[in-house]
Amino acid sequence: MQKTLPTIHLKLSWLWYLPALFIDCILTYPLLRWTIRRSKGIPFDPLVDSGIIVHQMVTLAIWAAICFMLVTKDQFGELLLVPSIYALAGVMFCFYTFQMAIGTREGHRYALWIKLIGPIGSMALNLFKTQAKEQNLYHIFLMINYDAIFFSQGVVDTCYWKQMIKRRSELSESMVAPVAIVFAIFLFDHIANGLLGYGPFVFLPSL
């Protein structure tokens, strides 16, 4: 075991994802507690809820220290991983604070907006992503940060799905729905033109 531990991440084969999942569960557990309390309408408790926030901050600080100390090659831990955890902390802050708005009267109107936090946070992490070779630990740790965002978004979506469906039903009966559909089609066409060189409207005459 003493000879295996220093490079255990290279010997896990396809089981490498198990410790990664464990770390993600630890990183997102405080947000899970916070989200369950807010979605159930439990009043803010200064002792309990402040403890949850402190728990989240300590967890992220410990994770940043681990990344800094273990990923030393080319200073990737200091230059890329630690700043990516700052971005992760910003995403967590948005998840925590946005739920306060959903908990207000007519707060379901904000429920769909919270679904944008995860994708925007993932794009922010792309700023710290590089395809450097022989940086296995860096890639694994950065992937854990991505997964922490996915986990967080999943927790929020699960706890607020009723509010999201209610708001979506309201929007489907308004003028926002056809406008959004047309905008989505043109956006897809623009993306397809950029990535593939053609878009769906190219095929309309032939249809």
Protein backbone atom coordinates (compact mmCIF):
# COMPACT_ATOMS: atom_id res chain seq x y z
CA MET A 1 0.00 0.00 0.00
CA GLN A 2 2.84 2.41 0.77
CA LYS A 3 4.24 1.89 -2.72
CA THR A 4 0.81 2.21 -4.33
CA LEU A 5 -0.59 5.31 -2.62
CA PRO A 6 1.61 8.00 -4.23
CA THR A 7 0.35 7.04 -7.68
CA ILE A 8 -2.92 5.36 -6.79
CA HIS A 9 -4.82 7.60 -9.19
CA LEU A 10 -2.90 5.95 -12.05
CA LYS A 11 -3.80 2.42 -10.91
CA LEU A 12 -7.56 2.77 -10.41
CA SER A 13 -8.34 2.08 -14.08
CA TRP A 14 -12.06 2.74 -14.69
CA LEU A 15 -12.65 2.89 -10.91
CA TRP A 16 -11.04 6.33 -10.75
CA TYR A 17 -14.54 7.84 -10.85
CA LEU A 18 -15.49 6.39 -7.44
CA PRO A 19 -13.19 8.64 -5.36
CA ALA A 20 -14.12 11.53 -7.66
CA LEU A 21 -17.80 10.99 -6.86
CA PHE A 22 -16.98 10.82 -3.17
CA ILE A 23 -15.19 14.18 -3.29
CA ASP A 24 -18.09 15.74 -5.23
CA CYS A 25 -20.55 14.50 -2.61
CA ILE A 26 -18.45 16.13 0.11
CA LEU A 27 -18.18 19.42 -1.83
CA THR A 28 -21.91 19.68 -2.53
CA TYR A 29 -23.36 18.28 0.71
CA PRO A 30 -23.70 21.73 2.40
CA LEU A 31 -25.58 23.04 -0.65
CA LEU A 32 -27.84 20.00 -0.50
CA ARG A 33 -28.77 20.79 3.11
CA TRP A 34 -29.32 24.47 2.28
CA THR A 35 -31.45 23.69 -0.78
CA ILE A 36 -33.68 21.21 1.06
CA ARG A 37 -34.30 23.72 3.85
CA ARG A 38 -35.07 26.59 1.45
CA SER A 39 -37.25 24.51 -0.90
CA LYS A 40 -39.33 23.28 2.05
CA GLY A 41 -39.82 26.84 3.27
CA ILE A 42 -38.00 26.28 6.57
CA PRO A 43 -37.36 29.70 8.17
CA PHE A 44 -33.77 30.92 8.22
CA ASP A 45 -32.09 29.74 11.40
CA PRO A 46 -29.02 31.90 12.22
CA LEU A 47 -27.26 29.00 13.93
CA VAL A 48 -28.05 26.16 11.53
CA ASP A 49 -27.93 28.05 8.24
CA SER A 50 -24.85 30.05 9.15
CA GLY A 51 -23.23 26.75 10.06
CA ILE A 52 -24.09 25.38 6.62
CA ILE A 53 -22.48 28.38 4.91
CA VAL A 54 -19.34 28.07 7.06
CA HIS A 55 -19.26 24.34 6.32
CA GLN A 56 -19.33 25.10 2.59
CA MET A 57 -16.55 27.67 2.87
CA VAL A 58 -14.33 25.35 4.91
CA THR A 59 -14.93 22.48 2.48
CA LEU A 60 -13.91 24.59 -0.52
CA ALA A 61 -10.87 25.94 1.35
CA ILE A 62 -9.67 22.42 2.18
CA TRP A 63 -10.22 21.35 -1.43
CA ALA A 64 -8.21 24.35 -2.66
CA ALA A 65 -5.38 23.48 -0.25
CA ILE A 66 -5.35 19.87 -1.51
CA CYS A 67 -5.18 21.02 -5.13
CA PHE A 68 -2.40 23.48 -4.30
CA MET A 69 -0.28 20.92 -2.44
CA LEU A 70 -0.75 17.87 -4.66
CA VAL A 71 -0.67 19.37 -8.16
CA THR A 72 2.76 20.97 -8.20
CA LYS A 73 3.96 20.10 -11.70
CA ASP A 74 4.37 23.29 -13.75
CA GLN A 75 2.50 25.05 -10.91
CA PHE A 76 -0.81 23.94 -12.41
CA GLY A 77 -2.31 23.68 -8.95
CA GLU A 78 -1.47 27.28 -8.10
CA LEU A 79 -2.05 28.82 -11.52
CA LEU A 80 -5.11 26.90 -12.73
CA LEU A 81 -6.77 24.68 -10.14
CA VAL A 82 -6.96 27.13 -7.24
CA PRO A 83 -8.43 29.92 -9.45
CA SER A 84 -10.93 27.39 -10.82
CA ILE A 85 -12.06 26.74 -7.24
CA TYR A 86 -12.59 30.48 -6.84
CA ALA A 87 -14.92 30.24 -9.84
CA LEU A 88 -16.62 27.22 -8.26
CA ALA A 89 -17.11 29.21 -5.06
CA GLY A 90 -18.74 31.99 -7.11
CA VAL A 91 -21.11 29.47 -8.67
CA MET A 92 -21.97 28.11 -5.22
CA PHE A 93 -22.60 31.67 -4.00
CA CYS A 94 -25.09 32.18 -6.84
CA PHE A 95 -26.87 28.93 -6.00
CA TYR A 96 -27.13 29.90 -2.34
CA THR A 97 -28.32 33.47 -2.85
CA PHE A 98 -30.66 32.87 -5.82
CA GLN A 99 -32.72 30.47 -3.74
CA MET A 100 -33.60 33.29 -1.37
CA ALA A 101 -35.44 34.97 -4.26
CA ILE A 102 -37.32 31.79 -5.16
CA GLY A 103 -38.51 31.54 -1.58
CA THR A 104 -40.28 34.91 -1.74
CA ARG A 105 -43.87 35.53 -2.79
CA GLU A 106 -44.25 34.82 -6.51
CA GLY A 107 -40.67 33.57 -6.34
CA HIS A 108 -41.42 30.77 -8.78
CA ARG A 109 -40.97 33.40 -11.50
CA TYR A 110 -37.23 33.18 -10.85
CA ALA A 111 -37.07 29.37 -10.80
CA LEU A 112 -36.12 28.92 -14.45
CA TRP A 113 -33.33 31.50 -14.26
CA ILE A 114 -31.46 29.38 -11.73
CA LYS A 115 -31.02 26.75 -14.44
CA LEU A 116 -28.55 29.10 -16.16
CA ILE A 117 -26.09 29.09 -13.26
CA GLY A 118 -24.70 25.63 -14.00
CA PRO A 119 -24.01 26.18 -17.72
CA ILE A 120 -22.51 29.62 -17.10
CA GLY A 121 -20.36 28.21 -14.30
CA SER A 122 -19.11 25.42 -16.57
CA MET A 123 -18.14 27.98 -19.20
CA ALA A 124 -16.28 29.92 -16.52
CA LEU A 125 -14.27 26.80 -15.65
CA ASN A 126 -13.25 26.52 -19.30
CA LEU A 127 -10.97 29.50 -18.65
CA PHE A 128 -8.77 27.23 -16.53
CA LYS A 129 -8.81 24.23 -18.84
CA THR A 130 -5.81 23.19 -20.89
CA GLN A 131 -4.96 20.03 -22.82
CA ALA A 132 -1.50 19.67 -21.31
CA LYS A 133 -0.04 16.18 -21.42
CA GLU A 134 1.25 14.27 -18.39
CA GLN A 135 -1.01 16.25 -16.07
CA ASN A 136 -3.36 13.45 -15.07
CA LEU A 137 -3.99 14.68 -11.54
CA TYR A 138 -4.71 18.20 -12.79
CA HIS A 139 -7.27 16.88 -15.29
CA ILE A 140 -8.96 14.69 -12.66
CA PHE A 141 -9.17 17.51 -10.11
CA LEU A 142 -10.50 20.00 -12.66
CA MET A 143 -13.08 17.44 -13.76
CA ILE A 144 -14.18 17.16 -10.13
CA ASN A 145 -14.84 20.92 -10.14
CA TYR A 146 -16.99 20.52 -13.26
CA ASP A 147 -18.87 17.64 -11.65
CA ALA A 148 -19.45 19.69 -8.49
CA ILE A 149 -21.31 22.21 -10.65
CA PHE A 150 -23.31 19.43 -12.33
CA PHE A 151 -24.17 17.97 -8.93
CA SER A 152 -25.22 21.38 -7.61
CA GLN A 153 -27.44 22.08 -10.60
CA GLY A 154 -29.02 18.65 -10.23
CA VAL A 155 -29.76 19.26 -6.55
CA VAL A 156 -31.42 22.59 -7.28
CA ASP A 157 -33.41 21.28 -10.26
CA THR A 158 -34.67 18.34 -8.21
CA CYS A 159 -35.81 20.45 -5.25
CA TYR A 160 -37.45 23.22 -7.29
CA TRP A 161 -38.99 21.23 -10.15
CA LYS A 162 -42.55 22.17 -9.13
CA GLN A 163 -41.76 25.88 -9.25
CA MET A 164 -39.97 25.41 -12.57
CA ILE A 165 -42.90 23.59 -14.15
CA LYS A 166 -45.33 26.20 -12.84
CA ARG A 167 -43.29 29.00 -14.39
CA ARG A 168 -42.83 27.09 -17.63
CA SER A 169 -46.59 26.58 -17.87
CA GLU A 170 -47.14 30.31 -17.43
CA LEU A 171 -44.63 31.14 -20.14
CA SER A 172 -46.12 28.59 -22.54
CA GLU A 173 -49.42 30.50 -22.46
CA SER A 174 -47.82 33.87 -23.15
CA MET A 175 -46.24 35.54 -26.19
CA VAL A 176 -42.83 34.58 -24.83
CA ALA A 177 -43.25 30.99 -26.09
CA PRO A 178 -43.36 31.61 -29.90
CA VAL A 179 -40.69 34.31 -29.65
CA ALA A 180 -38.44 31.95 -27.67
CA ILE A 181 -38.96 29.16 -30.21
CA VAL A 182 -38.03 31.39 -33.14
CA PHE A 183 -35.01 32.73 -31.26
CA ALA A 184 -33.89 29.16 -30.44
CA ILE A 185 -34.16 28.14 -34.11
CA PHE A 186 -32.07 31.10 -35.28
CA LEU A 187 -29.56 30.51 -32.47
CA PHE A 188 -29.22 26.86 -33.47
CA ASP A 189 -28.81 27.90 -37.08
CA HIS A 190 -26.06 30.33 -36.11
CA ILE A 191 -24.24 27.71 -34.04
CA ALA A 192 -24.57 25.08 -36.76
CA ASN A 193 -23.16 27.52 -39.31
CA GLY A 194 -20.23 28.23 -37.05
CA LEU A 195 -19.43 24.62 -36.16
CA LEU A 196 -20.50 22.67 -39.24
CA GLY A 197 -20.57 25.28 -41.99
CA TYR A 198 -24.31 24.97 -42.56
CA GLY A 199 -27.55 25.40 -40.66
CA PRO A 200 -31.06 23.94 -40.74
CA PHE A 201 -32.41 26.69 -42.98
CA VAL A 202 -30.19 25.44 -45.80
CA PHE A 203 -32.50 22.44 -46.13
CA LEU A 204 -35.81 24.33 -46.04
CA PRO A 205 -36.12 24.79 -49.85
CA SER A 206 -35.61 21.08 -50.43
CA LEU A 207 -38.32 20.26 -47.85
